[in-house]
Amino acid sequence: MSAIERLPTIDHGLLRFLTCGSVDDGKSTLIGRLLYDTKAILVDTLSAIERTSKKRGLDAIDLSLLTDGLQAEREQGITIDVAYRYFNTGTRKYIIADAPGHEQYTRNMVTAASTADLAVILIDARKGVLTQTRRHSYLAQLVNIPHLVVAINKMDLVDYAQDRFDAIVADYLDFAVQLVGAEKAKSVRFIPISALNGDMVVERGERLDWYDGPTLLDLLEAAPPAHIDHNEAFRFPVQYVCRPQDSANPALHDYRGFMGRVESGHIAVGDAVTVLPSGRQSRIRAIEVFGSPLDTADAEQSVTLLLDDEIDISRGDMIVKTGEQPPVVRQIEAMLCWLSESPLDPRRKYLIRHTTRDTKAMLEGIDERVDVNTLERLPAERLEMNDIARVRFKLAQPLFPDPYVKNRSTGAFIVIDEASNNTVGAGMIL
């Protein structure tokens, strides 16, 4: 009986996770192995990669082809863009992001990591902890990924040696203590694997009998889902004000619903709420989805809220529970990843989009730039593509953010070039 067949039929919720690490550590092969061993590959897809593998003269299937979709990726044997794959085990649904390892694709890594609930950092057992391992660990910490698994891959190339595994674990822990502190470093999980042969990925295999911990899939199955903290503050950015224009139905003439997505927290009919930035207060009269009433709504649900009072609310406003209001600010301090090939120009105005709200902004200062390879803090007057820095923006209109470490949805923003309408930066509010 396989590991998948042994799992209980319980829904553990959606898990978004990221694979990252140095070039050639086997990220794409690991994802291919997960999909292959969980029977998540369609027959025609499997036939296609079998044919491609034979053309290359390989005896076995090249599982990395399942994620390396760009022609340049297949030709060079590297990951360039972020590849997303979906599968489920019957107990949980997964969205996997395969992030590139090269330094010049830092912006791709940050984009993929921003929505991940768990990161799998791969380390080549032959090479140990490298500069890129440290860089990706820093980026995972920067975007506040709550759970970290370090998978030491290619154990088959070091004869499945336990002493090699133990040495890499000790080396990584020394670095992790410097990065996040001793207490947080204790939560990092380590696992020896061979993505090529499948040892400790889905099935345990027979060559790592000295390791008595869970397989990688076991760790993924047991990881807590997002928004498990029931004390999260309620945040509801308004996307659209619904005013039906139906002359045949007089009952809808006074209908005024506020549509959007619950970014965090919980709301129920009768709860007292405050509208930002006006500060006006009311109560929830009704919660609807496609016209059907609900008693409550939770994080990641898209709903329509109706209030007891007539309040002037428009797109970009935010409805929060009374007593849980975030600060209303006209200046933000943030860690910024610059995504554009054009450098950040301190003399230009940019547009900042925070949840559903847009405001013009000017750079007030760059406090320091982080060298993602050495973690050294350096002075900077401008930012180039892939640079990460601590910056300050002055805002034309007020925003109501939470610190990113407390709420990833309302603590994040993007920077937009007004001239081209391109997204040129991604920020995390401190």
Protein backbone atom coordinates (compact mmCIF):
# COMPACT_ATOMS: atom_id res chain seq x y z
CA MET A 1 0.00 0.00 0.00
CA SER A 2 1.41 3.42 -0.96
CA ALA A 3 1.84 6.40 1.37
CA ILE A 4 -1.02 8.19 -0.40
CA GLU A 5 -3.41 5.29 0.14
CA ARG A 6 -2.57 5.17 3.85
CA LEU A 7 -3.53 8.81 4.44
CA PRO A 8 -6.87 9.46 6.21
CA THR A 9 -9.64 11.14 4.24
CA ILE A 10 -9.59 14.47 6.10
CA ASP A 11 -9.49 17.86 4.39
CA HIS A 12 -6.47 19.76 5.75
CA GLY A 13 -7.14 22.82 3.60
CA LEU A 14 -5.14 24.44 0.82
CA LEU A 15 -1.35 24.75 1.22
CA ARG A 16 0.71 27.04 -0.99
CA PHE A 17 4.37 26.15 -0.85
CA LEU A 18 7.57 27.20 -2.55
CA THR A 19 10.67 25.27 -3.59
CA CYS A 20 13.90 27.26 -3.73
CA GLY A 21 17.64 26.88 -3.41
CA SER A 22 20.81 27.00 -5.46
CA VAL A 23 21.09 26.24 -9.15
CA ASP A 24 21.02 22.47 -9.91
CA ASP A 25 19.88 21.51 -6.40
CA GLY A 26 16.99 19.58 -7.96
CA LYS A 27 13.96 21.82 -7.32
CA SER A 28 12.19 20.95 -10.56
CA THR A 29 13.01 17.25 -10.17
CA LEU A 30 11.61 17.28 -6.62
CA ILE A 31 8.30 18.76 -7.79
CA GLY A 32 8.21 16.25 -10.65
CA ARG A 33 8.76 13.44 -8.14
CA LEU A 34 5.95 14.72 -5.91
CA LEU A 35 3.55 14.87 -8.86
CA TYR A 36 4.67 11.50 -10.21
CA ASP A 37 4.49 9.58 -6.93
CA THR A 38 1.15 11.12 -5.94
CA LYS A 39 -0.31 10.06 -9.33
CA ALA A 40 -1.02 13.70 -10.23
CA ILE A 41 0.30 13.58 -13.81
CA LEU A 42 -2.07 13.16 -16.74
CA VAL A 43 -1.33 10.27 -19.10
CA ASP A 44 -0.70 12.52 -22.12
CA THR A 45 1.68 14.71 -20.12
CA LEU A 46 3.57 11.65 -18.90
CA SER A 47 3.84 10.32 -22.47
CA ALA A 48 5.19 13.66 -23.69
CA ILE A 49 7.98 13.85 -21.11
CA GLU A 50 8.84 10.19 -21.71
CA ARG A 51 9.36 10.97 -25.41
CA THR A 52 11.45 14.06 -24.61
CA SER A 53 13.57 12.08 -22.14
CA LYS A 54 14.27 9.39 -24.77
CA LYS A 55 15.28 12.04 -27.32
CA ARG A 56 17.88 13.22 -24.83
CA GLY A 57 19.23 9.70 -24.53
CA LEU A 58 18.05 9.21 -20.94
CA ASP A 59 17.12 5.79 -19.60
CA ALA A 60 14.63 7.18 -17.05
CA ILE A 61 12.01 9.95 -17.15
CA ASP A 62 13.40 13.45 -16.61
CA LEU A 63 10.90 14.66 -14.01
CA SER A 64 12.20 18.25 -14.14
CA LEU A 65 10.43 18.64 -17.51
CA LEU A 66 7.11 18.81 -15.65
CA THR A 67 7.93 22.29 -14.35
CA ASP A 68 10.55 23.67 -16.74
CA GLY A 69 8.05 24.82 -19.36
CA LEU A 70 10.02 27.53 -21.18
CA GLN A 71 12.13 26.45 -24.15
CA ALA A 72 15.16 28.27 -22.69
CA GLU A 73 14.72 26.38 -19.41
CA ARG A 74 14.68 23.02 -21.16
CA GLU A 75 17.67 23.89 -23.33
CA GLN A 76 19.79 25.16 -20.44
CA GLY A 77 18.51 22.80 -17.75
CA ILE A 78 17.73 25.69 -15.38
CA THR A 79 14.62 27.40 -14.00
CA ILE A 80 14.15 31.00 -15.20
CA ASP A 81 10.53 31.90 -14.51
CA VAL A 82 8.31 30.84 -11.61
CA ALA A 83 6.36 27.68 -12.50
CA TYR A 84 3.13 26.88 -10.66
CA ARG A 85 1.76 23.35 -10.37
CA TYR A 86 -1.36 22.02 -8.68
CA PHE A 87 -2.11 18.64 -7.14
CA ASN A 88 -4.08 17.06 -4.33
CA THR A 89 -3.68 13.95 -2.23
CA GLY A 90 -7.31 13.46 -1.26
CA THR A 91 -6.60 15.04 2.13
CA ARG A 92 -5.23 18.37 0.93
CA LYS A 93 -4.93 20.60 -2.13
CA TYR A 94 -1.56 22.11 -3.02
CA ILE A 95 -0.25 24.97 -5.13
CA ILE A 96 3.50 24.61 -5.73
CA ALA A 97 5.72 27.47 -6.88
CA ASP A 98 9.08 26.46 -8.35
CA ALA A 99 11.33 29.53 -7.95
CA PRO A 100 14.53 30.12 -9.96
CA GLY A 101 17.84 29.94 -8.12
CA HIS A 102 19.89 32.51 -10.02
CA GLU A 103 20.56 35.87 -8.38
CA GLN A 104 19.34 37.78 -11.46
CA TYR A 105 15.87 36.26 -10.89
CA THR A 106 15.53 37.50 -7.29
CA ARG A 107 12.37 39.41 -8.25
CA ASN A 108 10.78 36.14 -9.47
CA MET A 109 11.64 34.48 -6.17
CA VAL A 110 10.11 37.33 -4.13
CA THR A 111 6.95 37.25 -6.24
CA ALA A 112 6.53 33.49 -5.75
CA ALA A 113 7.31 33.62 -2.03
CA SER A 114 4.85 36.41 -1.26
CA THR A 115 1.86 34.03 -1.18
CA ALA A 116 3.58 30.88 0.14
CA ASP A 117 2.65 29.35 3.48
CA LEU A 118 5.69 27.05 3.54
CA ALA A 119 9.11 27.03 1.86
CA VAL A 120 11.16 23.97 0.95
CA ILE A 121 14.81 25.03 0.65
CA LEU A 122 16.89 22.46 -1.18
CA ILE A 123 20.57 21.86 -0.45
CA ASP A 124 22.82 19.64 -2.58
CA ALA A 125 24.30 17.09 -0.18
CA ARG A 126 27.63 17.26 -2.03
CA LYS A 127 27.94 21.06 -1.83
CA GLY A 128 26.33 21.93 1.51
CA VAL A 129 25.15 25.42 2.46
CA LEU A 130 26.01 27.90 -0.32
CA THR A 131 25.60 31.64 -0.83
CA GLN A 132 22.36 31.10 -2.75
CA THR A 133 21.03 28.94 0.10
CA ARG A 134 21.57 31.84 2.49
CA ARG A 135 20.05 34.31 0.01
CA HIS A 136 16.87 32.30 -0.44
CA SER A 137 16.58 31.75 3.30
CA TYR A 138 16.79 35.51 3.82
CA LEU A 139 14.14 36.14 1.16
CA ALA A 140 11.85 33.53 2.76
CA GLN A 141 12.29 35.32 6.09
CA LEU A 142 11.79 38.72 4.44
CA VAL A 143 8.36 37.80 3.03
CA ASN A 144 7.42 36.14 6.33
CA ILE A 145 6.88 32.55 5.17
CA PRO A 146 5.73 30.94 8.43
CA HIS A 147 7.10 27.39 7.94
CA LEU A 148 10.50 26.29 6.64
CA VAL A 149 11.66 22.83 5.57
CA VAL A 150 15.29 22.26 4.58
CA ALA A 151 15.48 19.26 2.24
CA ILE A 152 19.01 17.94 1.80
CA ASN A 153 18.81 16.44 -1.68
CA LYS A 154 20.99 14.10 -3.75
CA MET A 155 21.72 11.87 -0.77
CA ASP A 156 22.22 9.10 -3.34
CA LEU A 157 25.39 10.89 -4.51
CA VAL A 158 26.94 10.81 -1.01
CA ASP A 159 26.03 7.13 -0.39
CA TYR A 160 23.15 8.18 1.90
CA ALA A 161 25.70 9.07 4.59
CA GLN A 162 24.19 10.22 7.88
CA ASP A 163 27.32 12.11 8.96
CA ARG A 164 27.10 14.27 5.80
CA PHE A 165 23.45 15.07 6.58
CA ASP A 166 24.29 15.93 10.21
CA ALA A 167 27.14 18.25 9.17
CA ILE A 168 24.88 20.23 6.78
CA VAL A 169 22.16 20.51 9.43
CA ALA A 170 24.66 21.94 11.93
CA ASP A 171 26.04 24.38 9.33
CA TYR A 172 22.58 25.62 8.36
CA LEU A 173 21.48 26.02 11.99
CA ASP A 174 24.50 28.24 12.69
CA PHE A 175 23.35 30.52 9.86
CA ALA A 176 19.65 30.35 10.85
CA VAL A 177 20.42 31.51 14.41
CA GLN A 178 22.14 34.62 12.97
CA LEU A 179 19.21 35.23 10.62
CA VAL A 180 16.13 34.69 12.82
CA GLY A 181 17.42 33.98 16.33
CA ALA A 182 17.85 30.77 18.29
CA GLU A 183 14.17 30.34 19.21
CA LYS A 184 12.84 30.63 15.65
CA ALA A 185 15.66 28.47 14.27
CA LYS A 186 14.32 25.57 16.36
CA SER A 187 11.19 25.43 14.18
CA VAL A 188 13.14 24.65 10.98
CA ARG A 189 12.57 21.04 9.86
CA PHE A 190 15.35 19.02 8.17
CA ILE A 191 14.90 15.99 5.94
CA PRO A 192 17.30 13.91 3.81
CA ILE A 193 15.92 13.05 0.35
CA SER A 194 16.78 11.78 -3.09
CA ALA A 195 14.38 13.46 -5.52
CA LEU A 196 15.82 11.42 -8.40
CA ASN A 197 15.12 8.06 -6.74
CA GLY A 198 12.17 9.14 -4.60
CA ASP A 199 13.63 8.39 -1.16
CA MET A 200 11.79 10.27 1.62
CA VAL A 201 9.71 12.34 -0.81
CA VAL A 202 6.39 10.45 -0.91
CA GLU A 203 7.61 6.95 -0.09
CA ARG A 204 10.28 6.31 2.53
CA GLY A 205 12.48 4.10 0.34
CA GLU A 206 14.95 1.60 1.78
CA ARG A 207 18.24 3.53 1.81
CA LEU A 208 17.68 6.08 4.58
CA ASP A 209 16.80 3.69 7.40
CA TRP A 210 18.84 5.77 9.87
CA TYR A 211 16.34 8.64 9.48
CA ASP A 212 13.15 8.01 11.48
CA GLY A 213 11.38 11.33 10.85
CA PRO A 214 8.47 12.05 8.48
CA THR A 215 8.73 12.08 4.69
CA LEU A 216 8.45 15.37 2.83
CA LEU A 217 4.82 14.65 1.95
CA ASP A 218 4.08 13.87 5.61
CA LEU A 219 5.46 17.29 6.56
CA LEU A 220 3.38 18.99 3.88
CA GLU A 221 0.24 17.16 4.97
CA ALA A 222 0.76 18.19 8.61
CA ALA A 223 1.62 21.87 7.97
CA PRO A 224 -0.96 24.27 9.45
CA PRO A 225 -3.10 26.08 6.84
CA ALA A 226 -3.00 29.84 6.38
CA HIS A 227 -5.13 32.04 8.66
CA ILE A 228 -5.11 29.41 11.42
CA ASP A 229 -4.75 32.24 13.95
CA HIS A 230 -8.35 32.99 14.91
CA ASN A 231 -7.28 36.22 16.61
CA GLU A 232 -6.47 37.86 13.29
CA ALA A 233 -7.95 41.32 12.92
CA PHE A 234 -10.82 41.62 10.41
CA ARG A 235 -9.78 43.40 7.21
CA PHE A 236 -12.16 43.95 4.28
CA PRO A 237 -10.89 46.23 1.48
CA VAL A 238 -13.88 47.35 -0.60
CA GLN A 239 -13.54 46.40 -4.28
CA TYR A 240 -16.93 47.47 -5.61
CA VAL A 241 -20.13 49.15 -4.43
CA CYS A 242 -23.14 47.18 -5.70
CA ARG A 243 -26.20 49.28 -6.60
CA PRO A 244 -28.53 47.14 -8.80
CA GLN A 245 -30.37 49.07 -11.51
CA ASP A 246 -33.54 47.00 -11.84
CA SER A 247 -36.69 49.10 -12.36
CA ALA A 248 -38.84 45.94 -12.29
CA ASN A 249 -37.82 45.17 -8.71
CA PRO A 250 -38.56 48.09 -6.33
CA ALA A 251 -37.03 46.14 -3.41
CA LEU A 252 -33.58 46.64 -4.94
CA HIS A 253 -33.86 50.44 -5.23
CA ASP A 254 -32.29 50.97 -1.79
CA TYR A 255 -29.86 48.04 -2.02
CA ARG A 256 -26.28 49.10 -1.30
CA GLY A 257 -23.79 46.25 -0.91
CA PHE A 258 -20.03 46.46 -0.47
CA MET A 259 -18.23 43.71 -2.35
CA GLY A 260 -14.74 42.44 -1.67
CA ARG A 261 -12.57 39.71 -0.19
CA VAL A 262 -12.05 39.08 3.51
CA GLU A 263 -8.26 39.38 3.71
CA SER A 264 -8.05 38.26 7.32
CA GLY A 265 -10.16 37.64 10.39
CA HIS A 266 -13.82 36.80 10.84
CA ILE A 267 -17.07 38.78 10.61
CA ALA A 268 -20.65 37.98 11.62
CA VAL A 269 -24.05 39.61 11.20
CA GLY A 270 -24.51 42.16 13.98
CA ASP A 271 -20.80 42.93 14.46
CA ALA A 272 -19.85 46.58 14.97
CA VAL A 273 -17.60 47.89 12.18
CA THR A 274 -15.66 51.04 11.32
CA VAL A 275 -15.06 52.35 7.82
CA LEU A 276 -11.62 53.76 6.98
CA PRO A 277 -10.44 56.41 6.32
CA SER A 278 -13.64 58.27 7.37
CA GLY A 279 -13.90 56.58 10.79
CA ARG A 280 -17.71 56.26 10.45
CA GLN A 281 -19.24 53.36 12.40
CA SER A 282 -22.13 50.96 11.78
CA ARG A 283 -23.14 47.30 12.15
CA ILE A 284 -23.26 44.39 9.71
CA ARG A 285 -26.90 43.99 8.64
CA ALA A 286 -26.32 41.11 6.22
CA ILE A 287 -23.61 39.03 4.53
CA GLU A 288 -24.32 37.63 1.06
CA VAL A 289 -22.71 35.45 -1.59
CA PHE A 290 -24.45 35.49 -4.99
CA GLY A 291 -27.60 36.73 -3.27
CA SER A 292 -27.63 33.93 -0.67
CA PRO A 293 -27.39 35.01 2.99
CA LEU A 294 -24.58 33.94 5.31
CA ASP A 295 -24.29 34.32 9.07
CA THR A 296 -20.51 34.68 9.04
CA ALA A 297 -17.56 35.13 6.67
CA ASP A 298 -13.92 34.15 7.12
CA ALA A 299 -10.54 34.91 5.59
CA GLU A 300 -10.24 34.44 1.80
CA GLN A 301 -14.02 34.46 1.26
CA SER A 302 -15.37 36.90 -1.34
CA VAL A 303 -18.65 38.31 -0.03
CA THR A 304 -21.00 41.30 -0.09
CA LEU A 305 -21.51 43.20 3.17
CA LEU A 306 -24.62 45.30 3.90
CA LEU A 307 -24.58 47.83 6.74
CA ASP A 308 -27.31 49.19 9.03
CA ASP A 309 -26.46 52.81 8.17
CA GLU A 310 -26.09 54.81 4.98
CA ILE A 311 -22.38 55.60 4.85
CA ASP A 312 -20.42 57.04 1.95
CA ILE A 313 -18.09 54.15 1.02
CA SER A 314 -16.24 53.61 -2.24
CA ARG A 315 -13.57 51.36 -3.75
CA GLY A 316 -10.33 51.66 -1.79
CA ASP A 317 -12.01 52.15 1.59
CA MET A 318 -11.63 49.43 4.20
CA ILE A 319 -14.18 47.95 6.59
CA VAL A 320 -12.73 46.73 9.90
CA LYS A 321 -14.17 45.65 13.23
CA THR A 322 -14.60 48.52 15.68
CA GLY A 323 -11.74 48.38 18.16
CA GLU A 324 -9.40 46.64 15.69
CA GLN A 325 -8.57 49.62 13.49
CA PRO A 326 -5.10 49.87 11.92
CA PRO A 327 -3.42 53.30 11.95
CA VAL A 328 -4.27 55.76 9.18
CA VAL A 329 -0.93 57.02 7.82
CA ARG A 330 0.48 59.36 5.17
CA GLN A 331 4.00 57.96 5.36
CA ILE A 332 5.21 54.36 5.23
CA GLU A 333 8.51 52.66 5.99
CA ALA A 334 9.05 49.41 4.16
CA MET A 335 11.41 46.81 2.74
CA LEU A 336 11.23 47.27 -1.03
CA CYS A 337 12.24 44.84 -3.77
CA TRP A 338 12.83 46.73 -7.02
CA LEU A 339 11.46 44.77 -9.98
CA SER A 340 12.07 47.07 -12.94
CA GLU A 341 14.99 47.28 -15.34
CA SER A 342 14.75 51.07 -14.95
CA PRO A 343 16.30 52.19 -11.63
CA LEU A 344 14.23 53.76 -8.87
CA ASP A 345 14.29 57.52 -9.47
CA PRO A 346 14.03 59.54 -6.21
CA ARG A 347 12.80 62.60 -8.16
CA ARG A 348 9.78 60.88 -9.74
CA LYS A 349 6.28 60.32 -8.48
CA TYR A 350 5.03 56.75 -8.38
CA LEU A 351 1.67 55.14 -7.70
CA ILE A 352 1.36 52.86 -4.68
CA ARG A 353 -1.39 50.25 -4.68
CA HIS A 354 -2.25 48.94 -1.22
CA THR A 355 -5.09 46.36 -1.24
CA THR A 356 -7.71 48.11 -3.44
CA ARG A 357 -6.51 51.65 -2.76
CA ASP A 358 -4.19 53.71 -4.99
CA THR A 359 -2.27 56.81 -3.98
CA LYS A 360 0.51 58.88 -5.49
CA ALA A 361 3.79 58.72 -3.59
CA MET A 362 7.27 60.20 -3.50
CA LEU A 363 10.37 58.45 -2.24
CA GLU A 364 11.44 60.20 0.96
CA GLY A 365 14.66 58.28 1.43
CA ILE A 366 16.60 55.01 1.10
CA ASP A 367 17.85 54.08 4.56
CA GLU A 368 19.95 51.07 3.51
CA ARG A 369 20.30 48.43 0.83
CA VAL A 370 20.65 44.76 1.76
CA ASP A 371 23.28 42.66 0.02
CA VAL A 372 21.21 39.48 -0.24
CA ASN A 373 24.34 37.33 -0.61
CA THR A 374 26.19 38.53 2.50
CA LEU A 375 23.22 40.12 4.39
CA GLU A 376 25.40 43.22 4.78
CA ARG A 377 23.56 46.58 5.10
CA LEU A 378 24.93 49.19 2.70
CA PRO A 379 24.17 52.86 1.98
CA ALA A 380 22.39 53.51 -1.35
CA GLU A 381 21.20 56.47 -3.40
CA ARG A 382 19.32 54.45 -6.04
CA LEU A 383 17.97 50.94 -6.56
CA GLU A 384 18.61 48.69 -9.54
CA MET A 385 16.58 45.65 -10.61
CA ASN A 386 16.53 42.91 -7.91
CA ASP A 387 17.84 45.28 -5.21
CA ILE A 388 16.21 45.08 -1.78
CA ALA A 389 16.30 48.10 0.51
CA ARG A 390 14.69 49.76 3.50
CA VAL A 391 12.88 52.85 2.20
CA ARG A 392 10.42 55.59 3.19
CA PHE A 393 7.55 56.90 1.03
CA LYS A 394 5.48 60.04 1.50
CA LEU A 395 1.84 59.55 0.43
CA ALA A 396 -0.64 61.91 -1.20
CA GLN A 397 -3.63 60.01 0.24
CA PRO A 398 -3.84 58.11 3.56
CA LEU A 399 -3.37 54.36 3.79
CA PHE A 400 -4.35 52.02 6.65
CA PRO A 401 -1.75 49.24 6.70
CA ASP A 402 -0.79 46.59 9.22
CA PRO A 403 2.85 45.61 9.73
CA TYR A 404 3.70 42.93 7.18
CA VAL A 405 4.82 40.50 9.90
CA LYS A 406 1.29 40.60 11.34
CA ASN A 407 -0.76 40.61 8.13
CA ARG A 408 0.76 39.79 4.75
CA SER A 409 -2.31 40.99 2.84
CA THR A 410 -2.63 44.46 4.36
CA GLY A 411 1.10 44.87 5.01
CA ALA A 412 2.10 44.56 1.35
CA PHE A 413 1.94 46.98 -1.56
CA ILE A 414 3.16 47.36 -5.11
CA VAL A 415 4.76 50.37 -6.80
CA ILE A 416 3.44 51.31 -10.26
CA ASP A 417 5.09 53.50 -12.89
CA GLU A 418 2.40 56.04 -13.81
CA ALA A 419 3.77 56.50 -17.33
CA SER A 420 3.90 52.84 -18.38
CA ASN A 421 1.45 51.37 -15.82
CA ASN A 422 4.05 48.65 -15.15
CA THR A 423 4.58 47.20 -11.68
CA VAL A 424 8.12 48.28 -10.76
CA GLY A 425 8.40 47.42 -7.07
CA ALA A 426 6.97 45.26 -4.29
CA GLY A 427 7.05 46.37 -0.68
CA MET A 428 6.55 44.99 2.83
CA ILE A 429 5.54 47.56 5.43
CA LEU A 430 7.57 47.60 8.64
